[in-house]
């Protein structure tokens, strides 16, 4: 079975990002299919930077499996995409309106 790591980063958009003017921050979930956790984290960080986001901190991470998402079909799709493509990113954006700081699904 392939090894997949899941990471959750807190990040903010950079000026080159389309979200820069209206999104203050986001949680970005990254699934990376790689046997080494250090290399997997580098892949996730590089992918996020390539999308013009600045990582503020790593919130948490874990090794995940198909069983992890047995009852969460949407996240199972992200897991499968990571197996197909090497990684998958999913953004939970914080709306700018009223200074809200509650993540919402993107």
PDB file of N, CA and C in Angstrom:
ATOM      1  N   UNK A   1       0.828  -1.187   0.000  1.00  0.00           N
ATOM      2  CA  UNK A   1       0.000   0.000   0.000  1.00  0.00           C
ATOM      3  C   UNK A   1       0.872   1.251   0.000  1.00  0.00           C
ATOM      4  N   UNK A   2       0.424   2.262  -0.693  1.00  0.00           N
ATOM      5  CA  UNK A   2       1.151   3.529  -0.761  1.00  0.00           C
ATOM      6  C   UNK A   2       0.996   4.314   0.532  1.00  0.00           C
ATOM      7  N   UNK A   3       2.036   5.034   0.891  1.00  0.00           N
ATOM      8  CA  UNK A   3       2.003   5.883   2.071  1.00  0.00           C
ATOM      9  C   UNK A   3       1.500   7.263   1.673  1.00  0.00           C
ATOM     10  N   UNK A   4       0.522   7.765   2.411  1.00  0.00           N
ATOM     11  CA  UNK A   4      -0.003   9.106   2.177  1.00  0.00           C
ATOM     12  C   UNK A   4       0.050   9.860   3.494  1.00  0.00           C
ATOM     13  N   UNK A   5       0.619  11.056   3.431  1.00  0.00           N
ATOM     14  CA  UNK A   5       0.661  11.947   4.584  1.00  0.00           C
ATOM     15  C   UNK A   5      -0.346  13.061   4.368  1.00  0.00           C
ATOM     16  N   UNK A   6      -1.001  13.463   5.457  1.00  0.00           N
ATOM     17  CA  UNK A   6      -1.929  14.587   5.434  1.00  0.00           C
ATOM     18  C   UNK A   6      -1.347  15.691   6.299  1.00  0.00           C
ATOM     19  N   UNK A   7      -1.365  16.903   5.760  1.00  0.00           N
ATOM     20  CA  UNK A   7      -0.866  18.083   6.469  1.00  0.00           C
ATOM     21  C   UNK A   7      -1.947  19.150   6.462  1.00  0.00           C
ATOM     22  N   UNK A   8      -2.042  19.911   7.540  1.00  0.00           N
ATOM     23  CA  UNK A   8      -2.895  21.093   7.563  1.00  0.00           C
ATOM     24  C   UNK A   8      -2.016  22.293   7.869  1.00  0.00           C
ATOM     25  N   UNK A   9      -2.023  23.250   6.940  1.00  0.00           N
ATOM     26  CA  UNK A   9      -1.234  24.467   7.077  1.00  0.00           C
ATOM     27  C   UNK A   9      -2.162  25.670   7.240  1.00  0.00           C
ATOM     28  N   UNK A  10      -1.736  26.641   8.008  1.00  0.00           N
ATOM     29  CA  UNK A  10      -2.369  27.946   8.027  1.00  0.00           C
ATOM     30  C   UNK A  10      -1.548  28.797   7.065  1.00  0.00           C
ATOM     31  N   UNK A  11      -2.229  29.445   6.127  1.00  0.00           N
ATOM     32  CA  UNK A  11      -1.514  30.214   5.101  1.00  0.00           C
ATOM     33  C   UNK A  11      -2.304  31.471   4.735  1.00  0.00           C
ATOM     34  N   UNK A  12      -1.611  32.376   4.072  1.00  0.00           N
ATOM     35  CA  UNK A  12      -2.282  33.575   3.558  1.00  0.00           C
ATOM     36  C   UNK A  12      -1.875  33.767   2.108  1.00  0.00           C
ATOM     37  N   UNK A  13      -2.757  34.356   1.311  1.00  0.00           N
ATOM     38  CA  UNK A  13      -2.436  34.538  -0.105  1.00  0.00           C
ATOM     39  C   UNK A  13      -1.382  35.631  -0.302  1.00  0.00           C
ATOM     40  N   UNK A  14      -0.549  35.427  -1.281  1.00  0.00           N
ATOM     41  CA  UNK A  14       0.450  36.417  -1.676  1.00  0.00           C
ATOM     42  C   UNK A  14      -0.149  37.332  -2.746  1.00  0.00           C
ATOM     43  N   UNK A  15       0.451  38.486  -3.017  1.00  0.00           N
ATOM     44  CA  UNK A  15      -0.111  39.411  -4.007  1.00  0.00           C
ATOM     45  C   UNK A  15      -0.383  38.781  -5.384  1.00  0.00           C
ATOM     46  N   UNK A  16       0.365  37.780  -5.774  1.00  0.00           N
ATOM     47  CA  UNK A  16       0.143  37.141  -7.082  1.00  0.00           C
ATOM     48  C   UNK A  16      -1.068  36.208  -7.085  1.00  0.00           C
ATOM     49  N   UNK A  17      -1.651  35.951  -5.917  1.00  0.00           N
ATOM     50  CA  UNK A  17      -2.809  35.059  -5.818  1.00  0.00           C
ATOM     51  C   UNK A  17      -4.098  35.807  -6.151  1.00  0.00           C
ATOM     52  N   UNK A  18      -5.014  35.143  -6.834  1.00  0.00           N
ATOM     53  CA  UNK A  18      -6.314  35.739  -7.157  1.00  0.00           C
ATOM     54  C   UNK A  18      -7.113  36.063  -5.890  1.00  0.00           C
ATOM     55  N   UNK A  19      -6.837  35.390  -4.796  1.00  0.00           N
ATOM     56  CA  UNK A  19      -7.566  35.603  -3.543  1.00  0.00           C
ATOM     57  C   UNK A  19      -6.977  36.728  -2.682  1.00  0.00           C
ATOM     58  N   UNK A  20      -5.870  37.294  -3.098  1.00  0.00           N
ATOM     59  CA  UNK A  20      -5.130  38.241  -2.261  1.00  0.00           C
ATOM     60  C   UNK A  20      -5.983  39.405  -1.755  1.00  0.00           C
ATOM     61  N   UNK A  21      -6.825  39.977  -2.597  1.00  0.00           N
ATOM     62  CA  UNK A  21      -7.557  41.181  -2.211  1.00  0.00           C
ATOM     63  C   UNK A  21      -8.790  40.904  -1.353  1.00  0.00           C
ATOM     64  N   UNK A  22      -9.251  39.671  -1.271  1.00  0.00           N
ATOM     65  CA  UNK A  22     -10.492  39.434  -0.537  1.00  0.00           C
ATOM     66  C   UNK A  22     -10.480  38.257   0.446  1.00  0.00           C
ATOM     67  N   UNK A  23      -9.376  37.567   0.576  1.00  0.00           N
ATOM     68  CA  UNK A  23      -9.276  36.449   1.519  1.00  0.00           C
ATOM     69  C   UNK A  23      -8.062  36.690   2.413  1.00  0.00           C
ATOM     70  N   UNK A  24      -8.261  36.835   3.726  1.00  0.00           N
ATOM     71  CA  UNK A  24      -7.114  37.104   4.596  1.00  0.00           C
ATOM     72  C   UNK A  24      -6.252  35.879   4.899  1.00  0.00           C
ATOM     73  N   UNK A  25      -6.867  34.688   4.929  1.00  0.00           N
ATOM     74  CA  UNK A  25      -6.109  33.489   5.295  1.00  0.00           C
ATOM     75  C   UNK A  25      -6.928  32.249   4.960  1.00  0.00           C
ATOM     76  N   UNK A  26      -6.285  31.101   5.113  1.00  0.00           N
ATOM     77  CA  UNK A  26      -6.972  29.826   4.857  1.00  0.00           C
ATOM     78  C   UNK A  26      -6.240  28.707   5.575  1.00  0.00           C
ATOM     79  N   UNK A  27      -6.993  27.669   5.871  1.00  0.00           N
ATOM     80  CA  UNK A  27      -6.375  26.405   6.213  1.00  0.00           C
ATOM     81  C   UNK A  27      -6.250  25.650   4.904  1.00  0.00           C
ATOM     82  N   UNK A  28      -5.083  25.121   4.637  1.00  0.00           N
ATOM     83  CA  UNK A  28      -4.872  24.333   3.424  1.00  0.00           C
ATOM     84  C   UNK A  28      -4.524  22.921   3.852  1.00  0.00           C
ATOM     85  N   UNK A  29      -5.373  21.988   3.441  1.00  0.00           N
ATOM     86  CA  UNK A  29      -5.112  20.572   3.673  1.00  0.00           C
ATOM     87  C   UNK A  29      -4.347  20.037   2.475  1.00  0.00           C
ATOM     88  N   UNK A  30      -3.308  19.279   2.741  1.00  0.00           N
ATOM     89  CA  UNK A  30      -2.499  18.695   1.670  1.00  0.00           C
ATOM     90  C   UNK A  30      -2.335  17.207   1.935  1.00  0.00           C
ATOM     91  N   UNK A  31      -2.629  16.410   0.922  1.00  0.00           N
ATOM     92  CA  UNK A  31      -2.379  14.972   0.962  1.00  0.00           C
ATOM     93  C   UNK A  31      -1.232  14.710   0.013  1.00  0.00           C
ATOM     94  N   UNK A  32      -0.215  14.002   0.466  1.00  0.00           N
ATOM     95  CA  UNK A  32       0.966  13.745  -0.349  1.00  0.00           C
ATOM     96  C   UNK A  32       1.298  12.258  -0.292  1.00  0.00           C
ATOM     97  N   UNK A  33       1.389  11.643  -1.458  1.00  0.00           N
ATOM     98  CA  UNK A  33       1.757  10.228  -1.554  1.00  0.00           C
ATOM     99  C   UNK A  33       3.272  10.137  -1.670  1.00  0.00           C
ATOM    100  N   UNK A  34       3.912   9.799  -0.564  1.00  0.00           N
ATOM    101  CA  UNK A  34       5.366   9.687  -0.530  1.00  0.00           C
ATOM    102  C   UNK A  34       5.747   8.898   0.721  1.00  0.00           C
ATOM    103  N   UNK A  35       6.775   8.056   0.660  1.00  0.00           N
ATOM    104  CA  UNK A  35       7.130   7.241   1.828  1.00  0.00           C
ATOM    105  C   UNK A  35       7.874   7.981   2.939  1.00  0.00           C
ATOM    106  N   UNK A  36       8.420   9.157   2.648  1.00  0.00           N
ATOM    107  CA  UNK A  36       9.224   9.905   3.618  1.00  0.00           C
ATOM    108  C   UNK A  36       8.445  11.137   4.088  1.00  0.00           C
ATOM    109  N   UNK A  37       8.202  11.289   5.400  1.00  0.00           N
ATOM    110  CA  UNK A  37       7.426  12.433   5.869  1.00  0.00           C
ATOM    111  C   UNK A  37       8.086  13.786   5.610  1.00  0.00           C
ATOM    112  N   UNK A  38       9.396  13.848   5.680  1.00  0.00           N
ATOM    113  CA  UNK A  38      10.093  15.121   5.438  1.00  0.00           C
ATOM    114  C   UNK A  38       9.949  15.521   3.967  1.00  0.00           C
ATOM    115  N   UNK A  39      10.169  14.575   3.071  1.00  0.00           N
ATOM    116  CA  UNK A  39      10.012  14.857   1.643  1.00  0.00           C
ATOM    117  C   UNK A  39       8.561  15.194   1.321  1.00  0.00           C
ATOM    118  N   UNK A  40       7.617  14.486   1.946  1.00  0.00           N
ATOM    119  CA  UNK A  40       6.197  14.754   1.704  1.00  0.00           C
ATOM    120  C   UNK A  40       5.835  16.177   2.127  1.00  0.00           C
ATOM    121  N   UNK A  41       6.349  16.613   3.274  1.00  0.00           N
ATOM    122  CA  UNK A  41       6.071  17.985   3.713  1.00  0.00           C
ATOM    123  C   UNK A  41       6.674  18.998   2.743  1.00  0.00           C
ATOM    124  N   UNK A  42       7.864  18.735   2.234  1.00  0.00           N
ATOM    125  CA  UNK A  42       8.479  19.645   1.253  1.00  0.00           C
ATOM    126  C   UNK A  42       7.632  19.725  -0.015  1.00  0.00           C
ATOM    127  N   UNK A  43       7.121  18.600  -0.461  1.00  0.00           N
ATOM    128  CA  UNK A  43       6.261  18.586  -1.653  1.00  0.00           C
ATOM    129  C   UNK A  43       5.019  19.444  -1.403  1.00  0.00           C
ATOM    130  N   UNK A  44       4.397  19.279  -0.242  1.00  0.00           N
ATOM    131  CA  UNK A  44       3.208  20.070   0.092  1.00  0.00           C
ATOM    132  C   UNK A  44       3.534  21.554   0.138  1.00  0.00           C
ATOM    133  N   UNK A  45       4.620  21.904   0.809  1.00  0.00           N
ATOM    134  CA  UNK A  45       5.004  23.311   0.918  1.00  0.00           C
ATOM    135  C   UNK A  45       5.307  23.921  -0.457  1.00  0.00           C
ATOM    136  N   UNK A  46       6.011  23.182  -1.299  1.00  0.00           N
ATOM    137  CA  UNK A  46       6.315  23.677  -2.650  1.00  0.00           C
ATOM    138  C   UNK A  46       5.047  23.876  -3.464  1.00  0.00           C
ATOM    139  N   UNK A  47       4.100  22.945  -3.361  1.00  0.00           N
ATOM    140  CA  UNK A  47       2.840  23.049  -4.109  1.00  0.00           C
ATOM    141  C   UNK A  47       2.049  24.275  -3.659  1.00  0.00           C
ATOM    142  N   UNK A  48       2.029  24.531  -2.365  1.00  0.00           N
ATOM    143  CA  UNK A  48       1.308  25.693  -1.835  1.00  0.00           C
ATOM    144  C   UNK A  48       1.982  26.983  -2.282  1.00  0.00           C
ATOM    145  N   UNK A  49       3.302  27.032  -2.229  1.00  0.00           N
ATOM    146  CA  UNK A  49       4.031  28.219  -2.707  1.00  0.00           C
ATOM    147  C   UNK A  49       3.794  28.444  -4.203  1.00  0.00           C
ATOM    148  N   UNK A  50       3.735  27.359  -4.964  1.00  0.00           N
ATOM    149  CA  UNK A  50       3.487  27.474  -6.409  1.00  0.00           C
ATOM    150  C   UNK A  50       2.115  28.071  -6.710  1.00  0.00           C
ATOM    151  N   UNK A  51       1.185  27.953  -5.761  1.00  0.00           N
ATOM    152  CA  UNK A  51      -0.158  28.530  -5.916  1.00  0.00           C
ATOM    153  C   UNK A  51      -0.221  29.945  -5.342  1.00  0.00           C
ATOM    154  N   UNK A  52       0.922  30.500  -4.981  1.00  0.00           N
ATOM    155  CA  UNK A  52       1.055  31.875  -4.488  1.00  0.00           C
ATOM    156  C   UNK A  52       0.424  32.090  -3.114  1.00  0.00           C
ATOM    157  N   UNK A  53       0.708  31.151  -2.218  1.00  0.00           N
ATOM    158  CA  UNK A  53       0.303  31.273  -0.828  1.00  0.00           C
ATOM    159  C   UNK A  53       1.540  31.199   0.052  1.00  0.00           C
ATOM    160  N   UNK A  54       1.522  31.959   1.141  1.00  0.00           N
ATOM    161  CA  UNK A  54       2.611  31.945   2.112  1.00  0.00           C
ATOM    162  C   UNK A  54       2.163  31.148   3.331  1.00  0.00           C
ATOM    163  N   UNK A  55       2.904  30.120   3.665  1.00  0.00           N
ATOM    164  CA  UNK A  55       2.588  29.301   4.822  1.00  0.00           C
ATOM    165  C   UNK A  55       3.005  30.046   6.090  1.00  0.00           C
ATOM    166  N   UNK A  56       2.071  30.143   7.016  1.00  0.00           N
ATOM    167  CA  UNK A  56       2.355  30.787   8.296  1.00  0.00           C
ATOM    168  C   UNK A  56       2.799  29.748   9.318  1.00  0.00           C
ATOM    169  N   UNK A  57       2.161  28.580   9.286  1.00  0.00           N
ATOM    170  CA  UNK A  57       2.595  27.511  10.182  1.00  0.00           C
ATOM    171  C   UNK A  57       1.924  26.191   9.801  1.00  0.00           C
ATOM    172  N   UNK A  58       2.576  25.126  10.183  1.00  0.00           N
ATOM    173  CA  UNK A  58       2.008  23.785  10.061  1.00  0.00           C
ATOM    174  C   UNK A  58       1.150  23.560  11.300  1.00  0.00           C
ATOM    175  N   UNK A  59      -0.134  23.305  11.101  1.00  0.00           N
ATOM    176  CA  UNK A  59      -1.055  23.103  12.220  1.00  0.00           C
ATOM    177  C   UNK A  59      -0.959  21.679  12.771  1.00  0.00           C
ATOM    178  N   UNK A  60      -1.028  20.709  11.863  1.00  0.00           N
ATOM    179  CA  UNK A  60      -0.938  19.307  12.266  1.00  0.00           C
ATOM    180  C   UNK A  60      -0.669  18.443  11.048  1.00  0.00           C
ATOM    181  N   UNK A  61      -0.326  17.182  11.303  1.00  0.00           N
ATOM    182  CA  UNK A  61      -0.070  16.244  10.212  1.00  0.00           C
ATOM    183  C   UNK A  61      -0.273  14.829  10.738  1.00  0.00           C
ATOM    184  N   UNK A  62      -0.473  13.894   9.805  1.00  0.00           N
ATOM    185  CA  UNK A  62      -0.585  12.488  10.177  1.00  0.00           C
ATOM    186  C   UNK A  62      -0.411  11.608   8.947  1.00  0.00           C
ATOM    187  N   UNK A  63      -0.182  10.334   9.205  1.00  0.00           N
ATOM    188  CA  UNK A  63      -0.206   9.337   8.141  1.00  0.00           C
ATOM    189  C   UNK A  63      -1.656   8.904   8.014  1.00  0.00           C
ATOM    190  N   UNK A  64      -2.165   8.848   6.791  1.00  0.00           N
ATOM    191  CA  UNK A  64      -3.559   8.467   6.578  1.00  0.00           C
ATOM    192  C   UNK A  64      -3.649   7.277   5.637  1.00  0.00           C
ATOM    193  N   UNK A  65      -4.792   6.628   5.683  1.00  0.00           N
ATOM    194  CA  UNK A  65      -5.031   5.470   4.829  1.00  0.00           C
ATOM    195  C   UNK A  65      -6.460   5.536   4.310  1.00  0.00           C
ATOM    196  N   UNK A  66      -6.791   4.656   3.437  1.00  0.00           N
ATOM    197  CA  UNK A  66      -8.149   4.561   2.914  1.00  0.00           C
ATOM    198  C   UNK A  66      -9.133   4.372   4.075  1.00  0.00           C
ATOM    199  N   UNK A  67      -8.748   3.586   5.062  1.00  0.00           N
ATOM    200  CA  UNK A  67      -9.599   3.335   6.229  1.00  0.00           C
ATOM    201  C   UNK A  67      -9.883   4.623   7.006  1.00  0.00           C
ATOM    202  N   UNK A  68      -8.924   5.551   7.035  1.00  0.00           N
ATOM    203  CA  UNK A  68      -9.094   6.820   7.736  1.00  0.00           C
ATOM    204  C   UNK A  68     -10.334   7.552   7.250  1.00  0.00           C
ATOM    205  N   UNK A  69     -10.617   7.449   5.949  1.00  0.00           N
ATOM    206  CA  UNK A  69     -11.706   8.200   5.329  1.00  0.00           C
ATOM    207  C   UNK A  69     -12.896   7.319   4.948  1.00  0.00           C
ATOM    208  N   UNK A  70     -13.006   6.205   5.614  1.00  0.00           N
ATOM    209  CA  UNK A  70     -14.088   5.257   5.336  1.00  0.00           C
ATOM    210  C   UNK A  70     -15.455   5.943   5.345  1.00  0.00           C
ATOM    211  N   UNK A  71     -15.666   6.879   6.265  1.00  0.00           N
ATOM    212  CA  UNK A  71     -16.956   7.552   6.391  1.00  0.00           C
ATOM    213  C   UNK A  71     -16.911   9.022   5.951  1.00  0.00           C
ATOM    214  N   UNK A  72     -15.866   9.390   5.238  1.00  0.00           N
ATOM    215  CA  UNK A  72     -15.719  10.777   4.766  1.00  0.00           C
ATOM    216  C   UNK A  72     -15.399  10.744   3.267  1.00  0.00           C
ATOM    217  N   UNK A  73     -16.416  10.513   2.424  1.00  0.00           N
ATOM    218  CA  UNK A  73     -16.158  10.326   0.992  1.00  0.00           C
ATOM    219  C   UNK A  73     -15.444  11.498   0.314  1.00  0.00           C
ATOM    220  N   UNK A  74     -15.716  12.727   0.721  1.00  0.00           N
ATOM    221  CA  UNK A  74     -15.059  13.873   0.081  1.00  0.00           C
ATOM    222  C   UNK A  74     -13.553  13.828   0.314  1.00  0.00           C
ATOM    223  N   UNK A  75     -13.148  13.479   1.524  1.00  0.00           N
ATOM    224  CA  UNK A  75     -11.714  13.420   1.807  1.00  0.00           C
ATOM    225  C   UNK A  75     -11.084  12.189   1.193  1.00  0.00           C
ATOM    226  N   UNK A  76     -11.869  11.138   1.022  1.00  0.00           N
ATOM    227  CA  UNK A  76     -11.364   9.950   0.335  1.00  0.00           C
ATOM    228  C   UNK A  76     -11.015  10.299  -1.112  1.00  0.00           C
ATOM    229  N   UNK A  77     -11.789  11.190  -1.714  1.00  0.00           N
ATOM    230  CA  UNK A  77     -11.476  11.652  -3.077  1.00  0.00           C
ATOM    231  C   UNK A  77     -10.122  12.362  -3.108  1.00  0.00           C
ATOM    232  N   UNK A  78      -9.835  13.170  -2.101  1.00  0.00           N
ATOM    233  CA  UNK A  78      -8.539  13.863  -2.029  1.00  0.00           C
ATOM    234  C   UNK A  78      -7.403  12.854  -1.845  1.00  0.00           C
ATOM    235  N   UNK A  79      -7.639  11.866  -1.003  1.00  0.00           N
ATOM    236  CA  UNK A  79      -6.669  10.793  -0.788  1.00  0.00           C
ATOM    237  C   UNK A  79      -6.363  10.097  -2.113  1.00  0.00           C
ATOM    238  N   UNK A  80      -7.408   9.732  -2.851  1.00  0.00           N
ATOM    239  CA  UNK A  80      -7.229   9.049  -4.138  1.00  0.00           C
ATOM    240  C   UNK A  80      -6.524   9.936  -5.165  1.00  0.00           C
ATOM    241  N   UNK A  81      -6.854  11.226  -5.148  1.00  0.00           N
ATOM    242  CA  UNK A  81      -6.182  12.154  -6.069  1.00  0.00           C
ATOM    243  C   UNK A  81      -4.685  12.225  -5.758  1.00  0.00           C
ATOM    244  N   UNK A  82      -4.326  12.221  -4.484  1.00  0.00           N
ATOM    245  CA  UNK A  82      -2.908  12.224  -4.107  1.00  0.00           C
ATOM    246  C   UNK A  82      -2.219  10.970  -4.622  1.00  0.00           C
ATOM    247  N   UNK A  83      -2.889   9.836  -4.551  1.00  0.00           N
ATOM    248  CA  UNK A  83      -2.300   8.604  -5.079  1.00  0.00           C
ATOM    249  C   UNK A  83      -2.111   8.683  -6.591  1.00  0.00           C
ATOM    250  N   UNK A  84      -3.051   9.314  -7.284  1.00  0.00           N
ATOM    251  CA  UNK A  84      -2.949   9.443  -8.746  1.00  0.00           C
ATOM    252  C   UNK A  84      -1.913  10.484  -9.175  1.00  0.00           C
ATOM    253  N   UNK A  85      -1.905  11.639  -8.492  1.00  0.00           N
ATOM    254  CA  UNK A  85      -1.129  12.789  -8.950  1.00  0.00           C
ATOM    255  C   UNK A  85       0.076  13.130  -8.079  1.00  0.00           C
ATOM    256  N   UNK A  86       0.243  12.430  -6.989  1.00  0.00           N
ATOM    257  CA  UNK A  86       1.360  12.721  -6.086  1.00  0.00           C
ATOM    258  C   UNK A  86       0.964  13.578  -4.905  1.00  0.00           C
ATOM    259  N   UNK A  87       0.024  14.508  -5.123  1.00  0.00           N
ATOM    260  CA  UNK A  87      -0.475  15.338  -4.031  1.00  0.00           C
ATOM    261  C   UNK A  87      -1.834  15.914  -4.393  1.00  0.00           C
ATOM    262  N   UNK A  88      -2.514  16.442  -3.388  1.00  0.00           N
ATOM    263  CA  UNK A  88      -3.795  17.110  -3.568  1.00  0.00           C
ATOM    264  C   UNK A  88      -3.891  18.205  -2.514  1.00  0.00           C
ATOM    265  N   UNK A  89      -4.383  19.381  -2.910  1.00  0.00           N
ATOM    266  CA  UNK A  89      -4.588  20.493  -1.984  1.00  0.00           C
ATOM    267  C   UNK A  89      -6.070  20.816  -1.882  1.00  0.00           C
ATOM    268  N   UNK A  90      -6.515  21.183  -0.688  1.00  0.00           N
ATOM    269  CA  UNK A  90      -7.902  21.585  -0.446  1.00  0.00           C
ATOM    270  C   UNK A  90      -7.867  22.795   0.483  1.00  0.00           C
ATOM    271  N   UNK A  91      -8.543  23.882   0.073  1.00  0.00           N
ATOM    272  CA  UNK A  91      -8.486  25.154   0.786  1.00  0.00           C
ATOM    273  C   UNK A  91      -9.773  25.394   1.571  1.00  0.00           C
ATOM    274  N   UNK A  92      -9.633  25.874   2.815  1.00  0.00           N
ATOM    275  CA  UNK A  92     -10.754  26.320   3.629  1.00  0.00           C
ATOM    276  C   UNK A  92     -10.503  27.797   3.918  1.00  0.00           C
ATOM    277  N   UNK A  93     -11.162  28.651   3.128  1.00  0.00           N
ATOM    278  CA  UNK A  93     -10.889  30.081   3.134  1.00  0.00           C
ATOM    279  C   UNK A  93     -11.604  30.802   4.271  1.00  0.00           C
ATOM    280  N   UNK A  94     -10.951  31.830   4.811  1.00  0.00           N
ATOM    281  CA  UNK A  94     -11.564  32.700   5.807  1.00  0.00           C
ATOM    282  C   UNK A  94     -12.132  33.894   5.060  1.00  0.00           C
ATOM    283  N   UNK A  95     -13.408  34.153   5.200  1.00  0.00           N
ATOM    284  CA  UNK A  95     -13.977  35.317   4.503  1.00  0.00           C
ATOM    285  C   UNK A  95     -13.493  36.617   5.138  1.00  0.00           C
ATOM    286  N   UNK A  96     -13.346  37.634   4.307  1.00  0.00           N
ATOM    287  CA  UNK A  96     -12.881  38.926   4.791  1.00  0.00           C
ATOM    288  C   UNK A  96     -13.998  39.695   5.489  1.00  0.00           C
ATOM    289  N   UNK A  97     -15.231  39.491   5.060  1.00  0.00           N
ATOM    290  CA  UNK A  97     -16.350  40.283   5.548  1.00  0.00           C
ATOM    291  C   UNK A  97     -16.468  40.274   7.070  1.00  0.00           C
ATOM    292  N   UNK A  98     -16.681  41.434   7.628  1.00  0.00           N
ATOM    293  CA  UNK A  98     -16.869  41.622   9.066  1.00  0.00           C
ATOM    294  C   UNK A  98     -15.713  41.101   9.907  1.00  0.00           C
ATOM    295  N   UNK A  99     -14.543  40.957   9.330  1.00  0.00           N
ATOM    296  CA  UNK A  99     -13.391  40.479  10.087  1.00  0.00           C
ATOM    297  C   UNK A  99     -13.560  39.048  10.576  1.00  0.00           C
ATOM    298  N   UNK A 100     -14.429  38.284   9.946  1.00  0.00           N
ATOM    299  CA  UNK A 100     -14.695  36.905  10.391  1.00  0.00           C
ATOM    300  C   UNK A 100     -13.426  36.075  10.350  1.00  0.00           C
ATOM    301  N   UNK A 101     -13.292  35.186  11.283  1.00  0.00           N
ATOM    302  CA  UNK A 101     -12.133  34.319  11.344  1.00  0.00           C
ATOM    303  C   UNK A 101     -12.549  32.852  11.405  1.00  0.00           C
ATOM    304  N   UNK A 102     -13.669  32.541  10.795  1.00  0.00           N
ATOM    305  CA  UNK A 102     -14.148  31.162  10.758  1.00  0.00           C
ATOM    306  C   UNK A 102     -13.883  30.580   9.379  1.00  0.00           C
ATOM    307  N   UNK A 103     -13.153  29.480   9.284  1.00  0.00           N
ATOM    308  CA  UNK A 103     -12.891  28.892   7.964  1.00  0.00           C
ATOM    309  C   UNK A 103     -14.172  28.439   7.295  1.00  0.00           C
ATOM    310  N   UNK A 104     -14.206  28.544   5.976  1.00  0.00           N
ATOM    311  CA  UNK A 104     -15.316  28.011   5.197  1.00  0.00           C
ATOM    312  C   UNK A 104     -14.726  27.197   4.055  1.00  0.00           C
ATOM    313  N   UNK A 105     -15.456  26.204   3.617  1.00  0.00           N
ATOM    314  CA  UNK A 105     -14.969  25.350   2.528  1.00  0.00           C
ATOM    315  C   UNK A 105     -14.886  26.150   1.239  1.00  0.00           C
ATOM    316  N   UNK A 106     -13.826  25.911   0.486  1.00  0.00           N
ATOM    317  CA  UNK A 106     -13.640  26.593  -0.804  1.00  0.00           C
ATOM    318  C   UNK A 106     -14.143  25.712  -1.924  1.00  0.00           C
TER     319      UNK A 106
END
